[in-house]
N, C-alpha and C. Protein backbone atom coordinates (compact mmCIF):
# COMPACT_ATOMS: atom_id res chain seq x y z
N UNK A 1 -23.97 143.40 -34.91
CA UNK A 1 -22.75 144.03 -34.46
C UNK A 1 -21.76 142.99 -33.98
N UNK A 2 -20.51 143.31 -34.13
CA UNK A 2 -19.48 142.41 -33.65
C UNK A 2 -18.85 142.97 -32.40
N UNK A 3 -18.22 142.11 -31.64
CA UNK A 3 -17.58 142.52 -30.39
C UNK A 3 -16.11 142.84 -30.58
N UNK A 4 -15.64 142.93 -31.83
CA UNK A 4 -14.24 143.21 -32.07
C UNK A 4 -13.92 144.65 -31.74
N UNK A 5 -12.74 144.84 -31.20
CA UNK A 5 -12.27 146.18 -30.89
C UNK A 5 -11.76 146.84 -32.16
N UNK A 6 -11.85 148.17 -32.24
CA UNK A 6 -11.31 148.83 -33.43
C UNK A 6 -9.81 148.61 -33.52
N UNK A 7 -9.33 148.39 -34.71
CA UNK A 7 -7.90 148.21 -34.93
C UNK A 7 -7.46 146.76 -34.89
N UNK A 8 -8.35 145.83 -34.56
CA UNK A 8 -7.94 144.43 -34.49
C UNK A 8 -7.60 143.90 -35.88
N UNK A 9 -8.33 144.37 -36.89
CA UNK A 9 -8.04 143.92 -38.25
C UNK A 9 -6.66 144.40 -38.69
N UNK A 10 -6.32 145.62 -38.36
CA UNK A 10 -5.01 146.13 -38.79
C UNK A 10 -3.88 145.42 -38.05
N UNK A 11 -4.09 145.07 -36.78
CA UNK A 11 -3.06 144.34 -36.04
C UNK A 11 -2.86 142.95 -36.65
N UNK A 12 -3.96 142.29 -37.00
CA UNK A 12 -3.86 140.97 -37.63
C UNK A 12 -3.21 141.07 -39.00
N UNK A 13 -3.55 142.11 -39.75
CA UNK A 13 -2.95 142.30 -41.07
C UNK A 13 -1.45 142.53 -40.96
N UNK A 14 -1.03 143.30 -39.96
CA UNK A 14 0.41 143.54 -39.76
C UNK A 14 1.13 142.26 -39.37
N UNK A 15 0.51 141.45 -38.54
CA UNK A 15 1.11 140.16 -38.16
C UNK A 15 1.22 139.26 -39.38
N UNK A 16 0.19 139.26 -40.23
CA UNK A 16 0.25 138.45 -41.46
C UNK A 16 1.33 138.95 -42.40
N UNK A 17 1.56 140.27 -42.44
CA UNK A 17 2.64 140.81 -43.28
C UNK A 17 3.99 140.31 -42.80
N UNK A 18 4.19 140.29 -41.51
CA UNK A 18 5.47 139.83 -40.97
C UNK A 18 5.67 138.35 -41.29
N UNK A 19 4.62 137.53 -41.09
CA UNK A 19 4.74 136.11 -41.42
C UNK A 19 4.98 135.93 -42.90
N UNK A 20 4.31 136.73 -43.73
CA UNK A 20 4.50 136.63 -45.17
C UNK A 20 5.93 136.94 -45.58
N UNK A 21 6.56 137.87 -44.87
CA UNK A 21 7.95 138.21 -45.17
C UNK A 21 8.92 137.15 -44.66
N UNK A 22 8.51 136.37 -43.67
CA UNK A 22 9.38 135.33 -43.13
C UNK A 22 9.30 134.01 -43.89
N UNK A 23 8.27 133.83 -44.69
CA UNK A 23 8.08 132.57 -45.41
C UNK A 23 9.29 132.21 -46.27
N UNK A 24 9.89 133.14 -47.04
CA UNK A 24 11.07 132.75 -47.83
C UNK A 24 12.23 132.25 -46.97
N UNK A 25 12.47 132.89 -45.85
CA UNK A 25 13.57 132.47 -44.98
C UNK A 25 13.29 131.10 -44.37
N UNK A 26 12.07 130.89 -43.93
CA UNK A 26 11.70 129.59 -43.36
C UNK A 26 11.82 128.50 -44.42
N UNK A 27 11.38 128.81 -45.65
CA UNK A 27 11.51 127.85 -46.74
C UNK A 27 12.96 127.50 -47.03
N UNK A 28 13.84 128.50 -47.02
CA UNK A 28 15.27 128.27 -47.24
C UNK A 28 15.82 127.32 -46.19
N UNK A 29 15.54 127.60 -44.93
CA UNK A 29 16.07 126.79 -43.83
C UNK A 29 15.54 125.36 -43.91
N UNK A 30 14.25 125.21 -44.16
CA UNK A 30 13.67 123.87 -44.23
C UNK A 30 14.24 123.05 -45.39
N UNK A 31 14.32 123.65 -46.56
CA UNK A 31 14.83 122.91 -47.72
C UNK A 31 16.30 122.57 -47.56
N UNK A 32 17.08 123.53 -47.09
CA UNK A 32 18.51 123.28 -46.90
C UNK A 32 18.74 122.13 -45.93
N UNK A 33 18.08 122.19 -44.78
CA UNK A 33 18.28 121.14 -43.77
C UNK A 33 17.71 119.80 -44.21
N UNK A 34 16.59 119.82 -44.89
CA UNK A 34 16.01 118.55 -45.37
C UNK A 34 16.93 117.87 -46.37
N UNK A 35 17.50 118.65 -47.28
CA UNK A 35 18.40 118.05 -48.28
C UNK A 35 19.73 117.63 -47.68
N UNK A 36 20.15 118.27 -46.60
CA UNK A 36 21.39 117.85 -45.93
C UNK A 36 21.18 116.57 -45.13
N UNK A 37 19.98 116.42 -44.56
CA UNK A 37 19.68 115.24 -43.75
C UNK A 37 19.34 114.04 -44.64
N UNK A 38 18.48 114.28 -45.63
CA UNK A 38 18.03 113.21 -46.52
C UNK A 38 18.87 113.27 -47.78
N UNK A 39 19.95 112.52 -47.81
CA UNK A 39 20.81 112.52 -48.98
C UNK A 39 20.24 111.54 -50.00
N UNK A 40 19.77 112.07 -51.14
CA UNK A 40 19.12 111.24 -52.15
C UNK A 40 20.11 110.56 -53.08
N UNK A 41 21.37 110.91 -53.00
CA UNK A 41 22.40 110.37 -53.89
C UNK A 41 21.98 110.45 -55.36
N UNK A 42 21.39 111.56 -55.70
CA UNK A 42 20.96 111.84 -57.05
C UNK A 42 21.99 112.78 -57.66
N UNK A 43 22.13 112.76 -58.97
CA UNK A 43 23.09 113.66 -59.62
C UNK A 43 22.70 115.12 -59.43
N UNK A 44 21.42 115.41 -59.34
CA UNK A 44 20.94 116.79 -59.23
C UNK A 44 20.66 117.20 -57.79
N UNK A 45 20.20 116.27 -56.99
CA UNK A 45 19.81 116.59 -55.62
C UNK A 45 20.65 115.74 -54.66
N UNK A 46 21.60 116.40 -53.98
CA UNK A 46 22.44 115.72 -52.99
C UNK A 46 22.89 116.74 -51.95
N UNK A 47 23.71 116.31 -51.03
CA UNK A 47 24.15 117.21 -49.96
C UNK A 47 24.91 118.42 -50.48
N UNK A 48 25.68 118.21 -51.54
CA UNK A 48 26.48 119.31 -52.07
C UNK A 48 25.63 120.36 -52.79
N UNK A 49 24.48 119.98 -53.31
CA UNK A 49 23.63 120.92 -54.02
C UNK A 49 22.52 121.50 -53.14
N UNK A 50 22.50 121.17 -51.87
CA UNK A 50 21.44 121.65 -50.97
C UNK A 50 21.40 123.17 -50.91
N UNK A 51 22.55 123.80 -50.88
CA UNK A 51 22.59 125.27 -50.81
C UNK A 51 21.99 125.90 -52.06
N UNK A 52 22.24 125.31 -53.21
CA UNK A 52 21.69 125.85 -54.46
C UNK A 52 20.16 125.70 -54.51
N UNK A 53 19.67 124.54 -54.09
CA UNK A 53 18.22 124.33 -54.08
C UNK A 53 17.53 125.25 -53.08
N UNK A 54 18.14 125.41 -51.92
CA UNK A 54 17.55 126.29 -50.91
C UNK A 54 17.57 127.74 -51.38
N UNK A 55 18.63 128.14 -52.06
CA UNK A 55 18.71 129.50 -52.59
C UNK A 55 17.67 129.72 -53.68
N UNK A 56 17.49 128.73 -54.53
CA UNK A 56 16.45 128.83 -55.57
C UNK A 56 15.07 128.95 -54.93
N UNK A 57 14.83 128.20 -53.87
CA UNK A 57 13.55 128.30 -53.16
C UNK A 57 13.39 129.67 -52.52
N UNK A 58 14.47 130.20 -51.96
CA UNK A 58 14.43 131.54 -51.36
C UNK A 58 14.06 132.59 -52.40
N UNK A 59 14.67 132.49 -53.58
CA UNK A 59 14.36 133.45 -54.65
C UNK A 59 12.92 133.30 -55.10
N UNK A 60 12.48 132.07 -55.32
CA UNK A 60 11.11 131.83 -55.78
C UNK A 60 10.08 132.28 -54.75
N UNK A 61 10.31 131.97 -53.48
CA UNK A 61 9.37 132.37 -52.44
C UNK A 61 9.35 133.89 -52.24
N UNK A 62 10.50 134.53 -52.39
CA UNK A 62 10.54 135.99 -52.30
C UNK A 62 9.75 136.62 -53.43
N UNK A 63 9.93 136.10 -54.64
CA UNK A 63 9.13 136.59 -55.76
C UNK A 63 7.65 136.30 -55.54
N UNK A 64 7.35 135.16 -54.93
CA UNK A 64 5.96 134.84 -54.62
C UNK A 64 5.33 135.83 -53.66
N UNK A 65 6.10 136.27 -52.66
CA UNK A 65 5.59 137.27 -51.71
C UNK A 65 5.31 138.58 -52.44
N UNK A 66 6.21 138.97 -53.33
CA UNK A 66 6.03 140.23 -54.07
C UNK A 66 4.81 140.13 -54.99
N UNK A 67 4.68 139.00 -55.70
CA UNK A 67 3.53 138.81 -56.59
C UNK A 67 2.24 138.81 -55.79
N UNK A 68 2.24 138.17 -54.61
CA UNK A 68 1.05 138.15 -53.77
C UNK A 68 0.66 139.55 -53.32
N UNK A 69 1.65 140.37 -52.97
CA UNK A 69 1.36 141.74 -52.57
C UNK A 69 0.81 142.55 -53.75
N UNK A 70 1.36 142.33 -54.93
CA UNK A 70 0.86 143.03 -56.12
C UNK A 70 -0.56 142.57 -56.45
N UNK A 71 -0.81 141.28 -56.32
CA UNK A 71 -2.13 140.74 -56.63
C UNK A 71 -3.20 141.30 -55.70
N UNK A 72 -2.84 141.49 -54.43
CA UNK A 72 -3.80 142.04 -53.47
C UNK A 72 -3.74 143.55 -53.40
N UNK A 73 -2.99 144.16 -54.33
CA UNK A 73 -2.86 145.62 -54.41
C UNK A 73 -2.36 146.23 -53.11
N UNK A 74 -1.41 145.54 -52.48
CA UNK A 74 -0.78 146.04 -51.26
C UNK A 74 0.52 146.73 -51.63
N UNK A 75 0.91 147.72 -50.86
CA UNK A 75 2.20 148.36 -51.14
C UNK A 75 3.35 147.41 -50.84
N UNK A 76 4.38 147.48 -51.65
CA UNK A 76 5.56 146.64 -51.45
C UNK A 76 6.56 147.45 -50.64
N UNK A 77 6.92 146.99 -49.45
CA UNK A 77 7.86 147.74 -48.61
C UNK A 77 9.22 147.90 -49.30
N UNK A 78 9.85 149.05 -49.14
CA UNK A 78 11.17 149.27 -49.75
C UNK A 78 12.20 148.24 -49.28
N UNK A 79 12.10 147.83 -48.01
CA UNK A 79 13.02 146.83 -47.48
C UNK A 79 12.94 145.53 -48.26
N UNK A 80 11.73 145.13 -48.64
CA UNK A 80 11.52 143.90 -49.40
C UNK A 80 12.11 144.02 -50.80
N UNK A 81 11.97 145.19 -51.40
CA UNK A 81 12.53 145.41 -52.74
C UNK A 81 14.05 145.31 -52.70
N UNK A 82 14.66 145.95 -51.70
CA UNK A 82 16.13 145.96 -51.59
C UNK A 82 16.65 144.55 -51.34
N UNK A 83 16.09 143.87 -50.36
CA UNK A 83 16.59 142.54 -50.02
C UNK A 83 16.32 141.53 -51.13
N UNK A 84 15.18 141.63 -51.80
CA UNK A 84 14.91 140.69 -52.88
C UNK A 84 15.83 140.92 -54.07
N UNK A 85 16.22 142.16 -54.30
CA UNK A 85 17.19 142.44 -55.38
C UNK A 85 18.55 141.83 -55.06
N UNK A 86 18.99 141.98 -53.83
CA UNK A 86 20.29 141.42 -53.44
C UNK A 86 20.24 139.90 -53.43
N UNK A 87 19.17 139.35 -52.85
CA UNK A 87 19.01 137.89 -52.80
C UNK A 87 18.94 137.32 -54.22
N UNK A 88 18.14 137.95 -55.07
CA UNK A 88 18.00 137.46 -56.43
C UNK A 88 19.29 137.57 -57.23
N UNK A 89 19.96 138.71 -57.12
CA UNK A 89 21.19 138.91 -57.87
C UNK A 89 22.30 137.95 -57.49
N UNK A 90 22.64 137.94 -56.22
CA UNK A 90 23.73 137.07 -55.77
C UNK A 90 23.33 135.59 -55.79
N UNK A 91 22.06 135.31 -55.51
CA UNK A 91 21.60 133.93 -55.56
C UNK A 91 21.66 133.37 -56.97
N UNK A 92 21.20 134.16 -57.95
CA UNK A 92 21.26 133.70 -59.33
C UNK A 92 22.70 133.55 -59.81
N UNK A 93 23.57 134.49 -59.43
CA UNK A 93 24.98 134.36 -59.79
C UNK A 93 25.56 133.06 -59.23
N UNK A 94 25.26 132.79 -57.97
CA UNK A 94 25.78 131.58 -57.35
C UNK A 94 25.26 130.32 -58.01
N UNK A 95 23.97 130.31 -58.34
CA UNK A 95 23.37 129.13 -58.95
C UNK A 95 23.88 128.94 -60.37
N UNK A 96 23.86 129.99 -61.16
CA UNK A 96 24.27 129.87 -62.56
C UNK A 96 25.75 129.54 -62.72
N UNK A 97 26.58 130.14 -61.89
CA UNK A 97 28.02 129.89 -61.98
C UNK A 97 28.47 128.70 -61.12
N UNK A 98 27.52 128.13 -60.36
CA UNK A 98 27.82 127.02 -59.44
C UNK A 98 28.98 127.39 -58.51
N UNK A 99 28.91 128.61 -57.99
CA UNK A 99 29.94 129.13 -57.10
C UNK A 99 29.27 129.52 -55.78
N UNK A 100 29.57 128.78 -54.73
CA UNK A 100 28.93 129.02 -53.43
C UNK A 100 29.37 130.33 -52.79
N UNK A 101 30.51 130.87 -53.19
CA UNK A 101 31.00 132.10 -52.55
C UNK A 101 30.05 133.27 -52.80
N UNK A 102 29.35 133.31 -53.95
CA UNK A 102 28.37 134.36 -54.19
C UNK A 102 27.21 134.26 -53.20
N UNK A 103 26.82 133.04 -52.89
CA UNK A 103 25.73 132.83 -51.95
C UNK A 103 26.20 133.14 -50.52
N UNK A 104 27.45 132.79 -50.22
CA UNK A 104 27.98 133.06 -48.89
C UNK A 104 28.18 134.56 -48.65
N UNK A 105 28.54 135.30 -49.69
CA UNK A 105 28.82 136.72 -49.53
C UNK A 105 27.55 137.58 -49.52
N UNK A 106 26.43 137.01 -49.97
CA UNK A 106 25.18 137.76 -50.05
C UNK A 106 24.78 138.41 -48.74
N UNK A 107 24.78 137.71 -47.60
CA UNK A 107 24.40 138.38 -46.35
C UNK A 107 25.33 139.53 -45.98
N UNK A 108 26.62 139.39 -46.28
CA UNK A 108 27.57 140.45 -45.97
C UNK A 108 27.28 141.69 -46.82
N UNK A 109 27.07 141.49 -48.11
CA UNK A 109 26.76 142.61 -49.00
C UNK A 109 25.45 143.26 -48.57
N UNK A 110 24.46 142.46 -48.25
CA UNK A 110 23.16 142.98 -47.83
C UNK A 110 23.30 143.81 -46.56
N UNK A 111 24.04 143.31 -45.58
CA UNK A 111 24.21 144.05 -44.33
C UNK A 111 25.04 145.32 -44.53
N UNK A 112 26.06 145.28 -45.39
CA UNK A 112 26.84 146.49 -45.68
C UNK A 112 25.97 147.54 -46.37
N UNK A 113 25.13 147.11 -47.29
CA UNK A 113 24.24 148.02 -47.98
C UNK A 113 23.25 148.66 -47.01
N UNK A 114 22.66 147.85 -46.14
CA UNK A 114 21.72 148.38 -45.16
C UNK A 114 22.41 149.29 -44.14
N UNK A 115 23.63 148.96 -43.74
CA UNK A 115 24.39 149.84 -42.84
C UNK A 115 24.66 151.18 -43.50
N UNK A 116 24.99 151.16 -44.80
CA UNK A 116 25.23 152.41 -45.51
C UNK A 116 23.96 153.25 -45.56
N UNK A 117 22.82 152.61 -45.76
CA UNK A 117 21.55 153.34 -45.77
C UNK A 117 21.27 153.94 -44.40
N UNK A 118 21.48 153.16 -43.35
CA UNK A 118 21.21 153.63 -41.98
C UNK A 118 22.11 154.80 -41.62
N UNK A 119 23.42 154.65 -41.84
CA UNK A 119 24.35 155.72 -41.48
C UNK A 119 24.17 156.93 -42.39
N UNK A 120 23.84 156.69 -43.65
CA UNK A 120 23.58 157.81 -44.56
C UNK A 120 22.35 158.59 -44.16
N UNK A 121 21.30 157.89 -43.73
CA UNK A 121 20.09 158.59 -43.30
C UNK A 121 20.32 159.36 -42.01
N UNK A 122 21.16 158.81 -41.12
CA UNK A 122 21.49 159.53 -39.89
C UNK A 122 22.28 160.80 -40.21
N UNK A 123 23.14 160.72 -41.21
CA UNK A 123 23.96 161.87 -41.57
C UNK A 123 23.12 163.03 -42.12
N UNK A 124 22.03 162.72 -42.81
CA UNK A 124 21.18 163.77 -43.35
C UNK A 124 19.97 164.07 -42.46
N UNK A 125 19.89 163.41 -41.31
CA UNK A 125 18.84 163.70 -40.34
C UNK A 125 17.49 163.07 -40.64
N UNK A 126 17.45 162.01 -41.41
CA UNK A 126 16.21 161.30 -41.70
C UNK A 126 16.10 160.05 -40.83
N UNK A 127 14.88 159.62 -40.58
CA UNK A 127 14.63 158.40 -39.83
C UNK A 127 14.32 157.28 -40.81
N UNK A 128 15.34 156.51 -41.17
CA UNK A 128 15.19 155.46 -42.17
C UNK A 128 14.24 154.37 -41.70
N UNK A 129 14.17 154.13 -40.40
CA UNK A 129 13.31 153.07 -39.89
C UNK A 129 11.84 153.37 -40.14
N UNK A 130 11.46 154.63 -40.03
CA UNK A 130 10.07 155.00 -40.31
C UNK A 130 9.74 154.79 -41.78
N UNK A 131 10.68 155.09 -42.64
CA UNK A 131 10.46 154.93 -44.08
C UNK A 131 10.40 153.45 -44.45
N UNK A 132 11.34 152.67 -43.94
CA UNK A 132 11.45 151.27 -44.33
C UNK A 132 10.28 150.43 -43.80
N UNK A 133 9.80 150.74 -42.62
CA UNK A 133 8.78 149.90 -41.99
C UNK A 133 7.44 150.60 -41.84
N UNK A 134 7.19 151.64 -42.63
CA UNK A 134 5.95 152.39 -42.47
C UNK A 134 4.71 151.56 -42.77
N UNK A 135 4.82 150.53 -43.61
CA UNK A 135 3.65 149.71 -43.92
C UNK A 135 3.37 148.67 -42.83
N UNK A 136 4.32 148.48 -41.91
CA UNK A 136 4.14 147.46 -40.87
C UNK A 136 3.93 148.10 -39.50
N UNK A 137 4.77 149.10 -39.16
CA UNK A 137 4.72 149.71 -37.84
C UNK A 137 4.57 151.22 -37.97
N UNK A 138 3.96 151.83 -36.96
CA UNK A 138 3.92 153.28 -36.85
C UNK A 138 4.95 153.66 -35.78
N UNK A 139 6.10 154.13 -36.23
CA UNK A 139 7.20 154.44 -35.30
C UNK A 139 7.24 155.93 -35.01
N UNK A 140 7.58 156.29 -33.77
CA UNK A 140 7.76 157.71 -33.46
C UNK A 140 9.08 158.21 -34.01
N UNK A 141 9.27 159.53 -34.02
CA UNK A 141 10.48 160.13 -34.59
C UNK A 141 11.75 159.69 -33.86
N UNK A 142 11.68 159.49 -32.54
CA UNK A 142 12.88 159.17 -31.78
C UNK A 142 13.32 157.70 -31.92
N UNK A 143 12.49 156.86 -32.54
CA UNK A 143 12.85 155.44 -32.68
C UNK A 143 13.91 155.25 -33.75
């Protein structure tokens, strides 16, 4: 017999899910700052291209999180699907067109989209937070 309390595995799994969802953001920040600090004076990798490399890493790591969840037969949270679609779409546009404004506008579009979902769900009397985070947290109706 083990001395673990019931539910400890699910708490650890939920913490791992949160860290797994943060890995793309942490990777973006690390790569962006590293390339800004360490200027390689290379035609492909320099201070001006740091945003593109970090965005490419963000897209790749986000896809990696989704593939990892599929591989382990875990449900993919709707929030992850929405944000990865926006990140992938605007990130790829910015990288392919070499236009930083697509990358800069991505957070604004993402937040406007999420605000529309939140206010729309309030208008119809649904609790969007329970739906979006049901795989991570068990929220009461009033939350």
